[in-house]
């Protein structure tokens, strides 16, 4: 039985199954699904519902040019993408972004480190390493922040999040996550907008750290 207690919201899981989530959030959901039997079953249910919907959709006619283009694509040689398996605490989707290499950690101060895995106009994905007892500065959100625990745990105003747990924060939440005693807390985090820090120093350093 899974010990995971914080899951992907169903609407977000449905969007992921439909391929409608931004890439940054899709990476976090894919990683959580690889760890969580409950959300994996939910995703398969959404896939099944989508398949049933397609079966009930009336056929659409296409031009001969479109048909020829699709058939030409099918004739192209298939080059499989490399498959990355779990590497230590990093599930396959994270190992893929790491390209099989260890994280390139950068110090943020007070023992907190980050490794940016991907960054586009639509969002960013990073690993965070937080020593036991250390807090991430109090902050709010200008968009969505998804935080998936890979090792250790943290506690904030909404509860405790251990390995496999996912926290989804939006503009309504201001919190101060604190790593619990024990192992260093390592999280996979994705955002689609900069965080909103209350204290002056984090705000000044924000452009440098790209958070």
C-alpha atoms as a PDB file:
ATOM      1  CA  UNK A   1       0.000   0.000   0.000  1.00  0.00           C
ATOM      2  CA  UNK A   2       1.309   3.444  -0.938  1.00  0.00           C
ATOM      3  CA  UNK A   3       2.122   5.874   1.875  1.00  0.00           C
ATOM      4  CA  UNK A   4       1.514   8.863  -0.416  1.00  0.00           C
ATOM      5  CA  UNK A   5      -1.229  11.108   0.953  1.00  0.00           C
ATOM      6  CA  UNK A   6      -1.032  14.231  -1.269  1.00  0.00           C
ATOM      7  CA  UNK A   7      -1.946  13.554  -4.897  1.00  0.00           C
ATOM      8  CA  UNK A   8      -2.374  15.281  -8.261  1.00  0.00           C
ATOM      9  CA  UNK A   9      -5.727  17.149  -8.368  1.00  0.00           C
ATOM     10  CA  UNK A  10      -8.101  15.258 -10.649  1.00  0.00           C
ATOM     11  CA  UNK A  11      -8.584  18.163 -13.066  1.00  0.00           C
ATOM     12  CA  UNK A  12      -4.822  18.445 -13.489  1.00  0.00           C
ATOM     13  CA  UNK A  13      -4.515  14.676 -13.950  1.00  0.00           C
ATOM     14  CA  UNK A  14      -7.176  14.824 -16.680  1.00  0.00           C
ATOM     15  CA  UNK A  15      -5.320  17.670 -18.406  1.00  0.00           C
ATOM     16  CA  UNK A  16      -2.087  15.666 -18.236  1.00  0.00           C
ATOM     17  CA  UNK A  17      -3.787  12.581 -19.719  1.00  0.00           C
ATOM     18  CA  UNK A  18      -5.116  14.775 -22.541  1.00  0.00           C
ATOM     19  CA  UNK A  19      -1.672  16.265 -23.218  1.00  0.00           C
ATOM     20  CA  UNK A  20      -2.917  19.726 -22.252  1.00  0.00           C
ATOM     21  CA  UNK A  21      -0.505  20.563 -19.407  1.00  0.00           C
ATOM     22  CA  UNK A  22       2.541  22.803 -19.930  1.00  0.00           C
ATOM     23  CA  UNK A  23       5.755  20.821 -20.144  1.00  0.00           C
ATOM     24  CA  UNK A  24       7.067  21.922 -16.747  1.00  0.00           C
ATOM     25  CA  UNK A  25       3.948  20.700 -14.945  1.00  0.00           C
ATOM     26  CA  UNK A  26       3.771  17.561 -17.092  1.00  0.00           C
ATOM     27  CA  UNK A  27       7.236  16.606 -15.862  1.00  0.00           C
ATOM     28  CA  UNK A  28       6.155  16.839 -12.225  1.00  0.00           C
ATOM     29  CA  UNK A  29       2.903  14.949 -12.837  1.00  0.00           C
ATOM     30  CA  UNK A  30       4.735  12.224 -14.778  1.00  0.00           C
ATOM     31  CA  UNK A  31       7.202  11.860 -11.918  1.00  0.00           C
ATOM     32  CA  UNK A  32       4.450  11.651  -9.306  1.00  0.00           C
ATOM     33  CA  UNK A  33       2.484   9.145 -11.406  1.00  0.00           C
ATOM     34  CA  UNK A  34       5.609   6.967 -11.637  1.00  0.00           C
ATOM     35  CA  UNK A  35       5.633   6.823  -7.817  1.00  0.00           C
ATOM     36  CA  UNK A  36       1.903   6.712  -7.032  1.00  0.00           C
ATOM     37  CA  UNK A  37      -0.313   3.697  -7.904  1.00  0.00           C
ATOM     38  CA  UNK A  38      -3.476   5.674  -7.120  1.00  0.00           C
ATOM     39  CA  UNK A  39      -2.733   8.489  -9.558  1.00  0.00           C
ATOM     40  CA  UNK A  40      -1.456   6.012 -12.134  1.00  0.00           C
ATOM     41  CA  UNK A  41      -4.836   4.253 -12.009  1.00  0.00           C
ATOM     42  CA  UNK A  42      -6.593   7.618 -12.268  1.00  0.00           C
ATOM     43  CA  UNK A  43      -4.548   8.556 -15.332  1.00  0.00           C
ATOM     44  CA  UNK A  44      -5.411   5.242 -17.014  1.00  0.00           C
ATOM     45  CA  UNK A  45      -9.083   5.895 -16.274  1.00  0.00           C
ATOM     46  CA  UNK A  46      -8.824   9.310 -17.963  1.00  0.00           C
ATOM     47  CA  UNK A  47      -7.101   7.700 -20.950  1.00  0.00           C
ATOM     48  CA  UNK A  48      -9.939   5.194 -21.159  1.00  0.00           C
ATOM     49  CA  UNK A  49     -12.538   7.940 -21.052  1.00  0.00           C
ATOM     50  CA  UNK A  50     -10.705   9.803 -23.786  1.00  0.00           C
ATOM     51  CA  UNK A  51     -10.615   6.689 -25.962  1.00  0.00           C
ATOM     52  CA  UNK A  52     -14.354   6.173 -25.525  1.00  0.00           C
ATOM     53  CA  UNK A  53     -14.970   9.804 -26.497  1.00  0.00           C
ATOM     54  CA  UNK A  54     -12.949   9.367 -29.679  1.00  0.00           C
ATOM     55  CA  UNK A  55     -14.959   6.286 -30.630  1.00  0.00           C
ATOM     56  CA  UNK A  56     -18.160   8.356 -30.408  1.00  0.00           C
ATOM     57  CA  UNK A  57     -16.759  11.246 -32.442  1.00  0.00           C
ATOM     58  CA  UNK A  58     -18.023  11.429 -36.055  1.00  0.00           C
ATOM     59  CA  UNK A  59     -15.421  10.728 -38.717  1.00  0.00           C
ATOM     60  CA  UNK A  60     -13.891  13.761 -40.395  1.00  0.00           C
ATOM     61  CA  UNK A  61     -12.863  13.913 -44.027  1.00  0.00           C
ATOM     62  CA  UNK A  62      -9.340  15.010 -44.898  1.00  0.00           C
ATOM     63  CA  UNK A  63      -7.831  16.225 -48.115  1.00  0.00           C
ATOM     64  CA  UNK A  64      -5.683  13.965 -50.244  1.00  0.00           C
ATOM     65  CA  UNK A  65      -2.701  16.193 -49.447  1.00  0.00           C
ATOM     66  CA  UNK A  66      -3.177  15.730 -45.706  1.00  0.00           C
ATOM     67  CA  UNK A  67      -3.574  11.982 -46.161  1.00  0.00           C
ATOM     68  CA  UNK A  68      -0.380  11.775 -48.235  1.00  0.00           C
ATOM     69  CA  UNK A  69       1.542  13.824 -45.643  1.00  0.00           C
ATOM     70  CA  UNK A  70       0.463  11.527 -42.805  1.00  0.00           C
ATOM     71  CA  UNK A  71       1.369   8.403 -44.778  1.00  0.00           C
ATOM     72  CA  UNK A  72       4.772   9.909 -45.583  1.00  0.00           C
ATOM     73  CA  UNK A  73       5.411  10.436 -41.888  1.00  0.00           C
ATOM     74  CA  UNK A  74       4.514   6.821 -41.200  1.00  0.00           C
ATOM     75  CA  UNK A  75       7.110   5.731 -43.765  1.00  0.00           C
ATOM     76  CA  UNK A  76       9.913   7.665 -42.044  1.00  0.00           C
ATOM     77  CA  UNK A  77      12.421   5.554 -40.080  1.00  0.00           C
ATOM     78  CA  UNK A  78      11.653   5.447 -36.366  1.00  0.00           C
ATOM     79  CA  UNK A  79      14.454   6.619 -34.088  1.00  0.00           C
ATOM     80  CA  UNK A  80      13.557   5.779 -30.487  1.00  0.00           C
ATOM     81  CA  UNK A  81      14.255   8.295 -27.760  1.00  0.00           C
ATOM     82  CA  UNK A  82      16.619   7.092 -25.018  1.00  0.00           C
ATOM     83  CA  UNK A  83      14.776   5.611 -22.059  1.00  0.00           C
ATOM     84  CA  UNK A  84      16.060   6.757 -18.690  1.00  0.00           C
ATOM     85  CA  UNK A  85      15.431   4.478 -15.743  1.00  0.00           C
ATOM     86  CA  UNK A  86      15.313   5.512 -12.101  1.00  0.00           C
ATOM     87  CA  UNK A  87      18.684   6.734 -10.871  1.00  0.00           C
ATOM     88  CA  UNK A  88      18.935   6.714  -7.077  1.00  0.00           C
ATOM     89  CA  UNK A  89      16.144   8.916  -5.727  1.00  0.00           C
ATOM     90  CA  UNK A  90      15.451  10.363  -9.199  1.00  0.00           C
ATOM     91  CA  UNK A  91      12.593   8.662 -11.104  1.00  0.00           C
ATOM     92  CA  UNK A  92      12.760   8.242 -14.883  1.00  0.00           C
ATOM     93  CA  UNK A  93      11.274  11.629 -15.881  1.00  0.00           C
ATOM     94  CA  UNK A  94      13.832  13.427 -13.688  1.00  0.00           C
ATOM     95  CA  UNK A  95      16.694  11.195 -14.833  1.00  0.00           C
ATOM     96  CA  UNK A  96      15.732  12.102 -18.404  1.00  0.00           C
ATOM     97  CA  UNK A  97      16.163  15.823 -17.705  1.00  0.00           C
ATOM     98  CA  UNK A  98      19.434  15.075 -15.937  1.00  0.00           C
ATOM     99  CA  UNK A  99      20.587  13.114 -19.012  1.00  0.00           C
ATOM    100  CA  UNK A 100      21.894  10.440 -16.679  1.00  0.00           C
ATOM    101  CA  UNK A 101      24.225  12.911 -14.951  1.00  0.00           C
ATOM    102  CA  UNK A 102      24.163  14.081 -11.305  1.00  0.00           C
ATOM    103  CA  UNK A 103      22.416  17.417 -10.576  1.00  0.00           C
ATOM    104  CA  UNK A 104      24.477  20.580 -11.059  1.00  0.00           C
ATOM    105  CA  UNK A 105      23.789  22.130  -7.658  1.00  0.00           C
ATOM    106  CA  UNK A 106      24.047  25.891  -7.098  1.00  0.00           C
ATOM    107  CA  UNK A 107      23.997  27.349  -3.589  1.00  0.00           C
ATOM    108  CA  UNK A 108      21.128  29.665  -2.669  1.00  0.00           C
ATOM    109  CA  UNK A 109      22.308  30.300   0.904  1.00  0.00           C
ATOM    110  CA  UNK A 110      21.678  28.791   4.338  1.00  0.00           C
ATOM    111  CA  UNK A 111      22.543  25.364   2.959  1.00  0.00           C
ATOM    112  CA  UNK A 112      19.713  25.420   0.387  1.00  0.00           C
ATOM    113  CA  UNK A 113      20.733  24.418  -3.134  1.00  0.00           C
ATOM    114  CA  UNK A 114      19.012  24.232  -6.493  1.00  0.00           C
ATOM    115  CA  UNK A 115      19.622  22.643  -9.871  1.00  0.00           C
ATOM    116  CA  UNK A 116      17.613  24.093 -12.764  1.00  0.00           C
ATOM    117  CA  UNK A 117      16.621  21.237 -15.088  1.00  0.00           C
ATOM    118  CA  UNK A 118      14.632  23.152 -17.685  1.00  0.00           C
ATOM    119  CA  UNK A 119      13.557  26.728 -18.236  1.00  0.00           C
ATOM    120  CA  UNK A 120      11.303  28.184 -20.945  1.00  0.00           C
ATOM    121  CA  UNK A 121       8.892  31.106 -21.292  1.00  0.00           C
ATOM    122  CA  UNK A 122       6.091  28.815 -20.104  1.00  0.00           C
ATOM    123  CA  UNK A 123       7.740  27.601 -16.900  1.00  0.00           C
ATOM    124  CA  UNK A 124      10.735  26.108 -15.185  1.00  0.00           C
ATOM    125  CA  UNK A 125      11.611  22.816 -13.500  1.00  0.00           C
ATOM    126  CA  UNK A 126      14.250  22.556 -10.783  1.00  0.00           C
ATOM    127  CA  UNK A 127      15.511  20.364  -8.002  1.00  0.00           C
ATOM    128  CA  UNK A 128      15.724  21.853  -4.517  1.00  0.00           C
ATOM    129  CA  UNK A 129      17.887  20.492  -1.696  1.00  0.00           C
ATOM    130  CA  UNK A 130      16.971  21.765   1.773  1.00  0.00           C
ATOM    131  CA  UNK A 131      18.902  20.740   4.921  1.00  0.00           C
ATOM    132  CA  UNK A 132      16.942  19.426   7.918  1.00  0.00           C
ATOM    133  CA  UNK A 133      15.409  22.257   9.939  1.00  0.00           C
ATOM    134  CA  UNK A 134      16.043  24.866   7.247  1.00  0.00           C
ATOM    135  CA  UNK A 135      13.165  26.995   5.944  1.00  0.00           C
ATOM    136  CA  UNK A 136      12.543  28.287   2.461  1.00  0.00           C
ATOM    137  CA  UNK A 137      11.835  32.031   2.809  1.00  0.00           C
ATOM    138  CA  UNK A 138       8.199  32.968   3.262  1.00  0.00           C
ATOM    139  CA  UNK A 139       6.651  33.455  -0.165  1.00  0.00           C
ATOM    140  CA  UNK A 140       3.469  33.664  -2.174  1.00  0.00           C
ATOM    141  CA  UNK A 141       2.842  32.850  -5.830  1.00  0.00           C
ATOM    142  CA  UNK A 142       2.140  34.762  -9.010  1.00  0.00           C
ATOM    143  CA  UNK A 143       0.997  31.543 -10.679  1.00  0.00           C
ATOM    144  CA  UNK A 144       1.124  27.818  -9.932  1.00  0.00           C
ATOM    145  CA  UNK A 145       3.916  26.065  -8.066  1.00  0.00           C
ATOM    146  CA  UNK A 146       4.048  22.263  -7.957  1.00  0.00           C
ATOM    147  CA  UNK A 147       6.428  20.679  -5.444  1.00  0.00           C
ATOM    148  CA  UNK A 148       7.030  16.926  -5.362  1.00  0.00           C
ATOM    149  CA  UNK A 149       9.102  15.431  -2.547  1.00  0.00           C
ATOM    150  CA  UNK A 150      11.696  12.893  -3.699  1.00  0.00           C
ATOM    151  CA  UNK A 151      13.552  12.449  -0.396  1.00  0.00           C
ATOM    152  CA  UNK A 152      12.942  13.500   3.205  1.00  0.00           C
ATOM    153  CA  UNK A 153       9.951  15.692   4.012  1.00  0.00           C
ATOM    154  CA  UNK A 154       8.861  19.259   4.702  1.00  0.00           C
ATOM    155  CA  UNK A 155       6.080  20.926   6.639  1.00  0.00           C
ATOM    156  CA  UNK A 156       4.261  24.182   5.922  1.00  0.00           C
ATOM    157  CA  UNK A 157       0.989  25.878   6.793  1.00  0.00           C
ATOM    158  CA  UNK A 158      -1.007  23.268   4.866  1.00  0.00           C
ATOM    159  CA  UNK A 159       0.515  20.102   6.344  1.00  0.00           C
ATOM    160  CA  UNK A 160       3.398  17.650   6.047  1.00  0.00           C
ATOM    161  CA  UNK A 161       4.706  16.371   2.724  1.00  0.00           C
ATOM    162  CA  UNK A 162       6.877  13.242   2.583  1.00  0.00           C
ATOM    163  CA  UNK A 163       8.481  11.308  -0.284  1.00  0.00           C
ATOM    164  CA  UNK A 164       6.011  10.983  -3.160  1.00  0.00           C
ATOM    165  CA  UNK A 165       3.687  13.699  -1.870  1.00  0.00           C
ATOM    166  CA  UNK A 166       2.771  16.590  -4.153  1.00  0.00           C
ATOM    167  CA  UNK A 167       1.857  20.120  -3.090  1.00  0.00           C
ATOM    168  CA  UNK A 168       0.077  22.364  -5.597  1.00  0.00           C
ATOM    169  CA  UNK A 169       0.157  26.022  -4.570  1.00  0.00           C
ATOM    170  CA  UNK A 170      -1.571  28.964  -6.274  1.00  0.00           C
ATOM    171  CA  UNK A 171      -1.983  32.712  -5.760  1.00  0.00           C
ATOM    172  CA  UNK A 172      -4.051  32.154  -2.616  1.00  0.00           C
ATOM    173  CA  UNK A 173      -1.279  30.418  -0.658  1.00  0.00           C
ATOM    174  CA  UNK A 174       1.548  32.128   1.208  1.00  0.00           C
ATOM    175  CA  UNK A 175       3.734  29.676   3.085  1.00  0.00           C
ATOM    176  CA  UNK A 176       7.099  28.951   4.665  1.00  0.00           C
ATOM    177  CA  UNK A 177       8.135  25.357   3.940  1.00  0.00           C
ATOM    178  CA  UNK A 178      10.533  23.919   6.556  1.00  0.00           C
ATOM    179  CA  UNK A 179      12.511  20.717   5.989  1.00  0.00           C
ATOM    180  CA  UNK A 180      11.814  18.173   8.724  1.00  0.00           C
ATOM    181  CA  UNK A 181      14.473  16.498  10.855  1.00  0.00           C
ATOM    182  CA  UNK A 182      16.231  13.517   9.328  1.00  0.00           C
ATOM    183  CA  UNK A 183      17.262  13.316   5.689  1.00  0.00           C
ATOM    184  CA  UNK A 184      17.941  16.334   3.527  1.00  0.00           C
ATOM    185  CA  UNK A 185      14.685  17.223   1.782  1.00  0.00           C
ATOM    186  CA  UNK A 186      15.030  17.012  -1.996  1.00  0.00           C
ATOM    187  CA  UNK A 187      12.113  18.211  -4.093  1.00  0.00           C
ATOM    188  CA  UNK A 188      11.204  18.557  -7.748  1.00  0.00           C
ATOM    189  CA  UNK A 189       9.514  21.919  -8.282  1.00  0.00           C
ATOM    190  CA  UNK A 190       7.835  23.516 -11.289  1.00  0.00           C
ATOM    191  CA  UNK A 191       6.529  27.068 -11.617  1.00  0.00           C
ATOM    192  CA  UNK A 192       4.916  29.092 -14.396  1.00  0.00           C
ATOM    193  CA  UNK A 193       5.631  32.504 -12.821  1.00  0.00           C
ATOM    194  CA  UNK A 194       8.160  33.998 -10.382  1.00  0.00           C
ATOM    195  CA  UNK A 195       7.546  33.486  -6.670  1.00  0.00           C
ATOM    196  CA  UNK A 196       6.470  36.429  -4.533  1.00  0.00           C
ATOM    197  CA  UNK A 197       8.865  36.886  -1.611  1.00  0.00           C
ATOM    198  CA  UNK A 198       7.980  39.104   1.327  1.00  0.00           C
ATOM    199  CA  UNK A 199      11.506  39.718   2.685  1.00  0.00           C
ATOM    200  CA  UNK A 200      13.831  42.198   0.979  1.00  0.00           C
ATOM    201  CA  UNK A 201      16.931  39.986   0.578  1.00  0.00           C
ATOM    202  CA  UNK A 202      15.163  37.149  -1.283  1.00  0.00           C
ATOM    203  CA  UNK A 203      13.535  39.729  -3.559  1.00  0.00           C
ATOM    204  CA  UNK A 204      16.914  41.260  -4.376  1.00  0.00           C
ATOM    205  CA  UNK A 205      18.464  37.861  -5.107  1.00  0.00           C
ATOM    206  CA  UNK A 206      15.485  36.556  -7.064  1.00  0.00           C
ATOM    207  CA  UNK A 207      16.718  37.621 -10.547  1.00  0.00           C
ATOM    208  CA  UNK A 208      20.089  35.989  -9.882  1.00  0.00           C
ATOM    209  CA  UNK A 209      18.603  32.693  -8.673  1.00  0.00           C
ATOM    210  CA  UNK A 210      15.812  32.751 -11.315  1.00  0.00           C
ATOM    211  CA  UNK A 211      13.060  31.715  -8.929  1.00  0.00           C
END
